[in-house]
């Protein structure tokens, strides 16, 4: 998902010159990004924007689902900055950490 967002945003901002940037990536990621760039490069800007919006909405939905799963619905009552921070923490964990010492 990270590579897809990178490609969509990169094509919107840099256009076809994004290919030069992909040469700076590690080989494994370069191959994935290059395939996505060739797949998306023929799309008009409006379609790229729609795909990027859908990708962001999907990611936000996943984070909210994980927060609800791990913390219950109460996280929605927290201030927005704390909600954002918790969302970042949830993305870095797998839900199976043992917090006992």
Protein backbone atom coordinates (compact mmCIF):
# COMPACT_ATOMS: atom_id res chain seq x y z
CA UNK A 1 0.00 0.00 0.00
CA UNK A 2 2.86 2.38 0.69
CA UNK A 3 4.26 1.85 -2.79
CA UNK A 4 0.87 2.43 -4.38
CA UNK A 5 0.41 5.74 -2.55
CA UNK A 6 3.97 6.75 -3.44
CA UNK A 7 3.30 6.08 -7.12
CA UNK A 8 -0.04 7.86 -7.22
CA UNK A 9 1.24 10.96 -5.43
CA UNK A 10 4.50 10.88 -7.38
CA UNK A 11 2.77 10.69 -10.75
CA UNK A 12 0.50 13.58 -9.79
CA UNK A 13 3.44 15.70 -8.70
CA UNK A 14 6.32 14.62 -10.95
CA UNK A 15 4.58 12.99 -13.90
CA UNK A 16 6.76 10.75 -16.02
CA UNK A 17 9.95 12.00 -14.36
CA UNK A 18 8.98 9.87 -11.36
CA UNK A 19 10.81 7.01 -13.08
CA UNK A 20 14.12 8.76 -12.33
CA UNK A 21 13.27 8.79 -8.62
CA UNK A 22 12.48 5.08 -8.60
CA UNK A 23 16.12 4.39 -9.53
CA UNK A 24 17.06 5.58 -6.02
CA UNK A 25 14.97 2.89 -4.33
CA UNK A 26 16.33 -0.49 -3.17
CA UNK A 27 16.01 -3.18 -5.87
CA UNK A 28 12.98 -5.01 -4.38
CA UNK A 29 10.96 -1.86 -3.91
CA UNK A 30 12.15 -0.46 -7.25
CA UNK A 31 10.62 -3.39 -9.12
CA UNK A 32 7.28 -3.02 -7.34
CA UNK A 33 7.20 0.74 -7.83
CA UNK A 34 8.23 0.49 -11.48
CA UNK A 35 5.38 -1.95 -12.18
CA UNK A 36 2.90 0.35 -10.48
CA UNK A 37 4.24 3.42 -12.30
CA UNK A 38 3.83 1.71 -15.67
CA UNK A 39 0.33 0.59 -14.66
CA UNK A 40 -0.77 4.05 -13.47
CA UNK A 41 1.13 6.29 -15.90
CA UNK A 42 -1.55 6.04 -18.59
CA UNK A 43 -4.31 7.22 -16.25
CA UNK A 44 -5.50 10.83 -16.35
CA UNK A 45 -4.79 13.05 -13.32
CA UNK A 46 -8.40 12.91 -12.17
CA UNK A 47 -8.30 9.12 -12.02
CA UNK A 48 -4.98 9.20 -10.13
CA UNK A 49 -6.56 11.57 -7.59
CA UNK A 50 -9.58 9.30 -7.19
CA UNK A 51 -7.35 6.28 -6.59
CA UNK A 52 -5.25 8.22 -4.06
CA UNK A 53 -8.37 9.39 -2.20
CA UNK A 54 -9.72 5.84 -2.10
CA UNK A 55 -6.39 4.53 -0.84
CA UNK A 56 -6.27 7.13 1.95
CA UNK A 57 -9.87 6.40 2.95
CA UNK A 58 -9.14 2.68 3.05
CA UNK A 59 -6.07 3.22 5.22
CA UNK A 60 -8.01 5.48 7.60
CA UNK A 61 -10.81 2.90 7.81
CA UNK A 62 -8.29 0.16 8.70
CA UNK A 63 -6.70 2.29 11.43
CA UNK A 64 -10.10 3.18 12.92
CA UNK A 65 -11.05 -0.50 12.87
CA UNK A 66 -7.86 -1.48 14.68
CA UNK A 67 -8.37 1.29 17.26
CA UNK A 68 -11.93 0.13 17.92
CA UNK A 69 -10.80 -3.49 18.13
CA UNK A 70 -8.02 -2.77 20.62
CA UNK A 71 -9.48 0.13 22.62
CA UNK A 72 -13.22 -0.03 22.12
CA UNK A 73 -15.29 2.88 20.85
CA UNK A 74 -14.00 5.22 23.59
CA UNK A 75 -11.01 6.30 21.52
CA UNK A 76 -13.38 8.50 19.49
CA UNK A 77 -13.91 10.69 22.57
CA UNK A 78 -10.21 11.56 22.78
CA UNK A 79 -8.79 14.81 21.39
CA UNK A 80 -7.91 14.60 17.65
CA UNK A 81 -4.15 14.83 18.26
CA UNK A 82 -4.26 11.88 20.67
CA UNK A 83 -6.42 9.93 18.21
CA UNK A 84 -3.79 10.52 15.54
CA UNK A 85 -0.98 9.43 17.86
CA UNK A 86 -2.84 6.26 18.84
CA UNK A 87 -3.46 5.52 15.17
CA UNK A 88 0.28 5.70 14.52
CA UNK A 89 1.00 3.40 17.47
CA UNK A 90 -1.59 0.88 16.28
CA UNK A 91 0.02 0.82 12.83
CA UNK A 92 3.39 -0.12 14.37
CA UNK A 93 2.02 -2.95 16.50
CA UNK A 94 0.55 -6.29 15.53
CA UNK A 95 -1.95 -6.64 18.35
CA UNK A 96 -0.14 -9.59 19.91
CA UNK A 97 2.41 -7.76 22.06
CA UNK A 98 2.79 -8.90 25.65
CA UNK A 99 2.88 -5.78 27.79
CA UNK A 100 3.45 -7.63 31.06
CA UNK A 101 6.78 -7.21 32.78
